[in-house]
């Protein structure tokens, strides 16, 4: 699909034409599966020079996905990126975001495969619900298209393995949308740990706790959504199980349901797992244990309060605490055999353990670099597309984190400790 021709034809493309075309193509969306052979032949990624514009397609433009459309629009001119297409199964979202990006209705689609066909497309930002992350990213990489995938990277261990393999084979640049990875404090902490400033890592901790009186993830329901008219419900459901009747609660508030999400484990814990693993240099897990409860929000089937304990091959451990019904969480902290790392005042704070005060100096290391910022995280991805450098939330890191997330969900649902072989990458 030629971008210039599409733009020229925009004045002749009505909303009625858009709806008709989108309805005809969307049916194929629901049958795509990562378990089958790739739909596309492998294509090399276009070589993008320092002065070349990066052309972006947006697939899934609800809350977070729509935010990415705005972020690309607001990137400084010297970043040299442009949105050239948007896609969503809900026409209202697709058209509104196309308009916001300054695009004609002809560049708004229901079917993501139509976006991947656009001539000159370099990269896609995937902001769909979790169950569509892997199928879309794999199809894109098979076309030589770089991917920014909102967290969590995917939904299952099998998809984790498939995404890792595809990224390695196609050499596409993958960034997962855990923007804390572009916060310099975690890289600074990691440098101090590598220098031996705290001895060996013993236990790291973090949390993500909220308390929303209206209930977490109870996003607004748009009464304009009409399946079969301006929304493809079957395509949105994808391979999540037996087809169910239209349910606006499921569509607009999908993070509350295990059919599409692991709740706190997949939506919030990646924001702590990725940065802590950057700092600690952690590998794939060997054991994952999880407890979870639904205490105050019976309108969902994902836990509103949960704790997860992870053990790694070197024996170090990580504990995560999450809640959507209490906002008091643990402080970020990394404990070592000789000293601990705290964070505060724009510094990485090294505090020696009592027996090692004569060996380890108390030290406040200045953090030089950006804080946690989504636009900065986008720019890191753009930079790596141009240079071939490794992005801050790269496919290797993301695969390790996603393994923890998947095992944590399984541990909770099965009431078991999940043992994992980090070499074979198999559950023991």
Protein backbone atom coordinates (compact mmCIF):
# COMPACT_ATOMS: atom_id res chain seq x y z
CA UNK A 1 0.00 0.00 0.00
CA UNK A 2 1.62 3.26 -1.16
CA UNK A 3 1.46 6.02 1.47
CA UNK A 4 1.59 8.85 -1.08
CA UNK A 5 -1.24 7.38 -3.17
CA UNK A 6 -3.31 6.83 -0.05
CA UNK A 7 -2.87 10.45 0.96
CA UNK A 8 -3.81 11.68 -2.53
CA UNK A 9 -6.98 9.59 -2.51
CA UNK A 10 -8.05 10.73 0.96
CA UNK A 11 -10.44 13.41 -0.26
CA UNK A 12 -12.44 10.75 -2.13
CA UNK A 13 -12.60 8.37 0.85
CA UNK A 14 -15.73 8.82 2.95
CA UNK A 15 -16.51 7.47 6.42
CA UNK A 16 -18.97 5.07 4.75
CA UNK A 17 -16.16 3.79 2.49
CA UNK A 18 -13.91 3.34 5.51
CA UNK A 19 -16.49 1.33 7.44
CA UNK A 20 -17.22 -0.86 4.44
CA UNK A 21 -13.54 -1.57 3.76
CA UNK A 22 -12.73 -2.15 7.41
CA UNK A 23 -15.61 -4.55 7.87
CA UNK A 24 -14.52 -6.60 4.88
CA UNK A 25 -10.94 -6.99 6.07
CA UNK A 26 -11.38 -7.39 9.81
CA UNK A 27 -12.62 -10.96 9.67
CA UNK A 28 -9.11 -12.23 9.04
CA UNK A 29 -7.88 -10.69 12.29
CA UNK A 30 -9.62 -13.20 14.52
CA UNK A 31 -8.00 -16.28 13.00
CA UNK A 32 -4.34 -15.23 13.20
CA UNK A 33 -2.35 -17.40 15.63
CA UNK A 34 1.30 -17.35 16.62
CA UNK A 35 1.20 -21.13 16.85
CA UNK A 36 0.94 -21.38 13.06
CA UNK A 37 3.55 -20.62 10.45
CA UNK A 38 4.16 -16.89 9.89
CA UNK A 39 1.70 -15.22 7.52
CA UNK A 40 4.42 -13.22 5.83
CA UNK A 41 7.71 -14.07 4.16
CA UNK A 42 10.69 -12.79 6.10
CA UNK A 43 11.64 -9.30 4.93
CA UNK A 44 14.72 -7.30 5.91
CA UNK A 45 14.25 -4.13 7.91
CA UNK A 46 14.93 -0.93 5.99
CA UNK A 47 18.27 0.65 6.81
CA UNK A 48 17.45 3.95 8.53
CA UNK A 49 20.16 6.57 8.54
CA UNK A 50 20.72 9.25 11.14
CA UNK A 51 18.82 11.78 9.04
CA UNK A 52 16.03 9.50 7.81
CA UNK A 53 12.51 9.84 9.14
CA UNK A 54 11.08 6.86 11.03
CA UNK A 55 7.53 6.15 9.87
CA UNK A 56 5.32 4.80 12.66
CA UNK A 57 2.10 2.78 12.61
CA UNK A 58 -0.07 2.59 15.74
CA UNK A 59 -1.98 -0.64 16.36
CA UNK A 60 -4.47 -0.36 19.22
CA UNK A 61 -5.24 3.27 20.07
CA UNK A 62 -7.32 3.14 23.24
CA UNK A 63 -6.02 4.83 26.41
CA UNK A 64 -2.32 3.91 26.30
CA UNK A 65 -2.18 3.46 22.54
CA UNK A 66 -3.80 6.84 21.99
CA UNK A 67 -1.26 8.32 24.37
CA UNK A 68 1.51 7.05 22.11
CA UNK A 69 -0.07 8.79 19.11
CA UNK A 70 0.12 12.03 21.08
CA UNK A 71 3.69 11.36 22.25
CA UNK A 72 4.93 10.79 18.70
CA UNK A 73 3.19 13.97 17.60
CA UNK A 74 4.89 15.94 20.37
CA UNK A 75 8.41 14.57 19.84
CA UNK A 76 10.85 17.36 18.92
CA UNK A 77 11.46 17.89 15.21
CA UNK A 78 15.04 16.67 15.51
CA UNK A 79 13.81 13.24 16.59
CA UNK A 80 12.38 13.00 13.05
CA UNK A 81 9.50 10.55 13.49
CA UNK A 82 6.00 10.60 12.07
CA UNK A 83 2.81 8.61 12.54
CA UNK A 84 1.55 7.44 9.16
CA UNK A 85 -1.28 5.05 10.12
CA UNK A 86 -3.49 4.02 13.02
CA UNK A 87 -5.49 0.87 13.64
CA UNK A 88 -8.19 -0.12 16.09
CA UNK A 89 -11.15 -2.51 15.98
CA UNK A 90 -13.32 0.42 17.20
CA UNK A 91 -13.73 2.86 14.30
CA UNK A 92 -14.33 5.85 16.57
CA UNK A 93 -10.92 5.42 18.18
CA UNK A 94 -9.15 4.82 14.89
CA UNK A 95 -10.68 7.86 13.20
CA UNK A 96 -10.18 10.17 16.19
CA UNK A 97 -6.50 9.25 16.50
CA UNK A 98 -5.92 9.51 12.77
CA UNK A 99 -7.36 13.00 12.92
CA UNK A 100 -5.20 13.88 15.94
CA UNK A 101 -2.11 12.70 14.07
CA UNK A 102 -3.07 14.83 11.06
CA UNK A 103 -3.89 11.81 8.89
CA UNK A 104 -6.79 11.27 6.49
CA UNK A 105 -9.49 8.69 7.26
CA UNK A 106 -7.91 6.48 4.61
CA UNK A 107 -5.01 5.88 6.99
CA UNK A 108 -7.26 4.55 9.77
CA UNK A 109 -7.82 0.78 9.76
CA UNK A 110 -9.56 -2.00 11.63
CA UNK A 111 -7.25 -4.78 10.44
CA UNK A 112 -3.63 -4.54 11.63
CA UNK A 113 -2.46 -6.51 8.59
CA UNK A 114 -3.39 -3.56 6.39
CA UNK A 115 -1.04 -1.37 8.39
CA UNK A 116 1.81 -3.83 7.92
CA UNK A 117 1.32 -3.64 4.14
CA UNK A 118 1.98 0.11 3.96
CA UNK A 119 5.01 0.96 1.85
CA UNK A 120 7.62 2.84 3.85
CA UNK A 121 6.41 1.72 7.27
CA UNK A 122 9.41 1.31 9.58
CA UNK A 123 7.98 0.54 13.00
CA UNK A 124 4.78 -0.10 14.92
CA UNK A 125 3.66 0.75 18.43
CA UNK A 126 1.39 -1.99 19.76
CA UNK A 127 -1.10 -0.76 22.36
CA UNK A 128 -3.71 -3.50 22.14
CA UNK A 129 -4.89 -5.70 25.04
CA UNK A 130 -2.32 -8.27 26.15
CA UNK A 131 -3.63 -11.22 24.15
CA UNK A 132 -2.90 -9.46 20.83
CA UNK A 133 0.66 -8.31 21.59
CA UNK A 134 2.46 -11.43 20.38
CA UNK A 135 0.48 -12.17 17.18
CA UNK A 136 0.84 -8.61 15.94
CA UNK A 137 4.50 -8.21 16.92
CA UNK A 138 5.49 -11.49 15.29
CA UNK A 139 3.66 -10.59 12.06
CA UNK A 140 5.35 -7.17 12.07
CA UNK A 141 8.85 -8.52 12.63
CA UNK A 142 8.37 -11.04 9.83
CA UNK A 143 7.90 -7.97 7.63
CA UNK A 144 11.10 -6.38 8.92
CA UNK A 145 9.16 -3.87 11.02
CA UNK A 146 10.54 -2.77 14.39
CA UNK A 147 8.22 -3.08 17.40
CA UNK A 148 7.40 -1.13 20.53
CA UNK A 149 5.18 -3.46 22.57
CA UNK A 150 3.29 -2.15 25.54
CA UNK A 151 3.85 -4.14 28.72
CA UNK A 152 3.40 -6.92 29.41
CA UNK A 153 5.23 -8.20 26.36
CA UNK A 154 2.72 -10.99 25.83
CA UNK A 155 0.35 -13.38 27.59
CA UNK A 156 1.96 -16.86 27.74
CA UNK A 157 5.30 -18.63 28.06
CA UNK A 158 4.93 -20.04 24.56
CA UNK A 159 4.43 -16.54 23.14
CA UNK A 160 7.49 -15.38 25.10
CA UNK A 161 9.62 -18.01 23.40
CA UNK A 162 8.16 -17.21 19.97
CA UNK A 163 8.74 -13.47 20.32
CA UNK A 164 12.32 -14.00 21.44
CA UNK A 165 13.06 -16.33 18.54
CA UNK A 166 11.46 -14.02 15.98
CA UNK A 167 13.29 -10.94 17.23
CA UNK A 168 16.64 -12.75 17.17
CA UNK A 169 16.06 -14.14 13.68
CA UNK A 170 14.73 -10.96 12.08
CA UNK A 171 17.04 -8.63 14.02
CA UNK A 172 14.19 -6.18 14.48
CA UNK A 173 14.55 -3.74 17.36
CA UNK A 174 12.05 -4.49 20.11
CA UNK A 175 11.32 -2.15 23.00
CA UNK A 176 8.78 -3.13 25.66
CA UNK A 177 6.84 -0.24 27.17
CA UNK A 178 8.18 -0.36 30.70
CA UNK A 179 9.46 3.21 30.82
CA UNK A 180 11.18 2.78 34.18
CA UNK A 181 13.92 1.02 32.21
CA UNK A 182 14.94 4.42 30.81
CA UNK A 183 15.26 5.89 34.30
CA UNK A 184 18.98 6.43 34.88
CA UNK A 185 18.77 5.51 38.57
CA UNK A 186 18.46 1.79 37.81
CA UNK A 187 21.45 1.81 35.48
CA UNK A 188 23.44 3.76 38.06
CA UNK A 189 22.53 1.21 40.72
CA UNK A 190 23.54 -1.60 38.37
CA UNK A 191 26.94 -0.01 37.81
CA UNK A 192 27.53 0.20 41.57
CA UNK A 193 26.55 -3.44 42.05
CA UNK A 194 28.90 -4.52 39.26
CA UNK A 195 31.70 -2.67 41.03
CA UNK A 196 31.07 -4.80 44.12
CA UNK A 197 29.80 -1.91 46.25
CA UNK A 198 27.23 -4.06 48.07
CA UNK A 199 28.84 -7.50 47.84
CA UNK A 200 26.53 -10.11 46.37
CA UNK A 201 22.87 -9.31 45.80
CA UNK A 202 20.74 -11.03 48.45
CA UNK A 203 17.20 -9.67 48.14
CA UNK A 204 15.62 -6.88 46.11
CA UNK A 205 12.15 -5.52 46.64
CA UNK A 206 9.59 -3.27 45.01
CA UNK A 207 5.88 -2.77 44.79
CA UNK A 208 3.04 -1.17 42.92
CA UNK A 209 0.15 -0.23 45.17
CA UNK A 210 -2.90 1.90 44.47
CA UNK A 211 -6.25 2.56 46.09
CA UNK A 212 -8.94 3.72 43.71
CA UNK A 213 -12.35 4.11 45.41
CA UNK A 214 -13.98 3.65 42.01
CA UNK A 215 -12.15 0.37 41.42
CA UNK A 216 -8.93 -0.04 39.45
CA UNK A 217 -9.34 -0.42 35.66
CA UNK A 218 -12.98 0.68 35.72
CA UNK A 219 -12.44 2.79 32.63
CA UNK A 220 -15.34 4.66 31.07
CA UNK A 221 -17.73 2.76 28.78
CA UNK A 222 -18.41 4.50 25.47
CA UNK A 223 -22.04 4.07 24.50
CA UNK A 224 -21.15 4.70 20.84
CA UNK A 225 -19.50 1.28 20.58
CA UNK A 226 -21.77 -0.90 18.42
CA UNK A 227 -20.48 -4.37 17.49
CA UNK A 228 -21.31 -5.25 13.91
CA UNK A 229 -21.63 -1.56 13.07
CA UNK A 230 -18.48 0.28 14.12
CA UNK A 231 -16.61 -2.32 16.20
CA UNK A 232 -15.34 -5.82 15.42
CA UNK A 233 -15.94 -7.72 18.66
CA UNK A 234 -14.96 -11.14 17.31
CA UNK A 235 -11.66 -9.79 16.03
CA UNK A 236 -10.95 -8.19 19.40
CA UNK A 237 -11.63 -11.47 21.25
CA UNK A 238 -9.12 -13.29 19.06
CA UNK A 239 -7.90 -16.59 20.49
CA UNK A 240 -9.02 -16.01 24.08
CA UNK A 241 -11.34 -18.99 24.20
CA UNK A 242 -14.92 -19.72 23.33
CA UNK A 243 -16.65 -16.81 21.63
CA UNK A 244 -18.88 -14.82 23.95
CA UNK A 245 -21.59 -12.26 23.34
CA UNK A 246 -20.71 -8.56 23.28
CA UNK A 247 -19.79 -7.42 26.76
CA UNK A 248 -18.83 -3.75 27.16
CA UNK A 249 -17.37 -4.49 30.61
CA UNK A 250 -14.95 -6.96 29.03
CA UNK A 251 -14.11 -4.67 26.12
CA UNK A 252 -13.50 -1.42 28.01
CA UNK A 253 -12.36 -2.91 31.34
CA UNK A 254 -10.53 -5.98 30.13
CA UNK A 255 -7.73 -5.84 32.71
CA UNK A 256 -10.21 -7.05 35.34
CA UNK A 257 -10.57 -10.47 33.70
CA UNK A 258 -8.13 -13.38 33.46
CA UNK A 259 -9.37 -14.17 29.97
CA UNK A 260 -7.35 -11.17 28.77
CA UNK A 261 -4.97 -10.18 31.58
CA UNK A 262 -3.26 -11.19 34.81
CA UNK A 263 -4.21 -7.91 36.48
CA UNK A 264 -1.58 -6.58 38.87
CA UNK A 265 0.87 -9.31 37.84
CA UNK A 266 0.92 -8.32 34.17
CA UNK A 267 -0.14 -4.68 34.19
CA UNK A 268 1.77 -3.31 37.19
CA UNK A 269 4.55 -5.70 38.23
CA UNK A 270 6.52 -5.30 34.97
CA UNK A 271 7.10 -1.69 36.02
CA UNK A 272 9.08 -3.01 38.98
CA UNK A 273 10.49 -6.23 37.55
CA UNK A 274 12.24 -4.70 34.55
CA UNK A 275 14.11 -1.97 36.48
CA UNK A 276 15.06 -4.21 39.40
CA UNK A 277 16.40 -6.82 37.00
CA UNK A 278 18.42 -4.14 35.20
CA UNK A 279 20.03 -3.14 38.49
CA UNK A 280 20.57 -6.64 39.86
CA UNK A 281 21.62 -8.25 36.60
CA UNK A 282 19.14 -11.02 37.24
CA UNK A 283 18.66 -13.99 34.94
CA UNK A 284 15.66 -16.20 34.24
CA UNK A 285 13.99 -17.36 37.47
CA UNK A 286 14.39 -20.77 39.03
CA UNK A 287 11.39 -20.52 41.39
CA UNK A 288 8.30 -18.32 41.55
CA UNK A 289 5.73 -18.26 44.34
CA UNK A 290 2.59 -16.11 44.44
CA UNK A 291 -0.32 -15.46 46.75
CA UNK A 292 -3.29 -13.37 45.69
CA UNK A 293 -6.68 -12.36 47.06
CA UNK A 294 -9.82 -10.57 45.96
CA UNK A 295 -10.57 -8.59 49.11
CA UNK A 296 -12.62 -5.54 48.16
CA UNK A 297 -13.40 -5.72 44.43
CA UNK A 298 -15.73 -8.67 43.69
CA UNK A 299 -16.48 -7.32 40.21
CA UNK A 300 -13.37 -9.04 38.78
CA UNK A 301 -11.51 -12.34 38.74
CA UNK A 302 -7.94 -11.01 39.02
CA UNK A 303 -6.45 -10.42 42.47
CA UNK A 304 -6.69 -6.97 44.02
CA UNK A 305 -3.88 -7.79 46.47
CA UNK A 306 -0.90 -9.99 45.70
CA UNK A 307 2.67 -10.86 46.65
CA UNK A 308 5.25 -12.61 44.53
CA UNK A 309 8.60 -14.13 45.55
CA UNK A 310 11.16 -14.93 42.85
CA UNK A 311 14.45 -16.83 43.13
CA UNK A 312 17.25 -16.67 40.55
CA UNK A 313 20.08 -19.07 39.62
CA UNK A 314 22.64 -17.24 41.78
CA UNK A 315 20.38 -17.67 44.81
CA UNK A 316 19.31 -14.03 45.01
CA UNK A 317 15.66 -13.32 45.58
CA UNK A 318 13.14 -10.63 44.68
CA UNK A 319 9.87 -9.80 46.40
CA UNK A 320 7.05 -7.77 44.86
CA UNK A 321 3.96 -6.46 46.61
CA UNK A 322 0.93 -5.14 44.75
CA UNK A 323 -2.54 -3.93 45.59
CA UNK A 324 -5.32 -1.94 44.00
CA UNK A 325 -7.14 -1.45 47.32
CA UNK A 326 -4.29 -0.07 49.47
CA UNK A 327 -1.75 2.48 48.29
CA UNK A 328 0.97 1.88 50.89
CA UNK A 329 3.69 -0.08 49.17
CA UNK A 330 7.28 -1.07 50.04
CA UNK A 331 10.18 1.19 49.16
CA UNK A 332 12.52 0.24 46.34
CA UNK A 333 15.48 -1.47 48.00
CA UNK A 334 18.32 -3.79 47.03
CA UNK A 335 20.00 -5.72 49.85
CA UNK A 336 23.54 -7.06 49.50
CA UNK A 337 25.85 -9.16 51.65
CA UNK A 338 27.90 -6.07 52.55
CA UNK A 339 25.64 -3.07 51.90
CA UNK A 340 22.18 -2.01 50.77
CA UNK A 341 21.03 0.34 48.03
CA UNK A 342 18.30 2.90 48.70
CA UNK A 343 17.02 5.60 46.37
CA UNK A 344 16.28 9.21 47.25
CA UNK A 345 17.20 12.82 46.64
CA UNK A 346 18.27 12.13 43.07
CA UNK A 347 20.95 9.72 44.30
CA UNK A 348 21.70 6.04 44.61
CA UNK A 349 22.40 5.66 48.31
CA UNK A 350 24.87 2.96 49.41
CA UNK A 351 24.55 2.09 53.07
CA UNK A 352 26.98 -0.52 54.51
CA UNK A 353 25.79 -3.35 56.69
CA UNK A 354 27.03 -3.02 60.29
CA UNK A 355 29.79 -5.70 60.05
CA UNK A 356 31.26 -4.01 56.96
CA UNK A 357 31.38 -0.32 57.91
CA UNK A 358 35.17 -0.39 57.86
CA UNK A 359 35.27 -1.94 54.39
CA UNK A 360 32.38 -0.25 52.57
CA UNK A 361 31.97 3.52 52.54
CA UNK A 362 28.59 5.12 52.92
CA UNK A 363 28.10 6.85 49.60
CA UNK A 364 25.51 8.87 47.70
CA UNK A 365 26.07 8.42 43.97
CA UNK A 366 24.66 11.18 41.77
CA UNK A 367 22.18 10.00 39.14
CA UNK A 368 23.03 11.53 35.78
CA UNK A 369 20.40 11.07 33.10
CA UNK A 370 16.64 11.05 32.59
CA UNK A 371 14.04 9.92 35.08
CA UNK A 372 11.07 7.68 34.32
CA UNK A 373 9.44 9.16 31.23
CA UNK A 374 7.46 7.56 28.41
CA UNK A 375 8.62 10.00 25.75
CA UNK A 376 12.23 9.37 26.74
CA UNK A 377 11.57 5.63 26.48
CA UNK A 378 10.18 6.14 22.97
CA UNK A 379 13.24 8.16 21.99
CA UNK A 380 15.54 5.42 23.26
CA UNK A 381 13.76 3.03 20.87
CA UNK A 382 14.06 5.45 17.94
CA UNK A 383 17.76 5.91 18.68
CA UNK A 384 18.35 2.15 18.71
CA UNK A 385 16.45 1.66 15.45
CA UNK A 386 18.90 4.07 13.84
CA UNK A 387 22.09 2.86 15.51
CA UNK A 388 21.50 -0.85 16.11
CA UNK A 389 22.20 -0.36 19.82
CA UNK A 390 20.31 -2.35 22.47
CA UNK A 391 17.20 -0.59 23.81
CA UNK A 392 16.68 -0.18 27.52
CA UNK A 393 13.80 -2.69 27.66
CA UNK A 394 15.13 -5.05 25.03
CA UNK A 395 13.82 -8.47 24.02
CA UNK A 396 16.24 -10.40 26.26
CA UNK A 397 15.31 -8.48 29.40
CA UNK A 398 11.62 -8.53 28.49
CA UNK A 399 11.64 -12.31 27.97
CA UNK A 400 13.09 -12.85 31.46
CA UNK A 401 10.49 -10.56 33.02
CA UNK A 402 7.64 -12.10 31.05
CA UNK A 403 8.73 -15.54 32.24
CA UNK A 404 8.40 -14.32 35.84
CA UNK A 405 4.97 -12.82 35.10
CA UNK A 406 3.66 -15.99 33.47
CA UNK A 407 5.01 -18.24 36.23
CA UNK A 408 3.59 -15.91 38.88
CA UNK A 409 0.12 -16.15 37.38
CA UNK A 410 0.37 -19.93 37.14
CA UNK A 411 1.62 -20.15 40.74
CA UNK A 412 -1.38 -18.16 41.97
CA UNK A 413 -3.99 -20.01 39.95
CA UNK A 414 -2.57 -23.46 40.76
CA UNK A 415 -1.54 -22.76 44.35
CA UNK A 416 1.92 -24.15 43.62
CA UNK A 417 5.54 -23.11 43.59
CA UNK A 418 6.59 -22.97 39.94
CA UNK A 419 10.07 -24.43 39.38
CA UNK A 420 11.79 -23.37 36.17
CA UNK A 421 14.91 -24.54 34.34
CA UNK A 422 16.61 -21.32 33.12
CA UNK A 423 18.82 -23.22 30.68
CA UNK A 424 16.13 -25.30 28.96
CA UNK A 425 13.56 -22.56 29.63
CA UNK A 426 11.05 -25.15 30.74
CA UNK A 427 8.86 -25.63 33.79
CA UNK A 428 10.31 -28.44 35.88
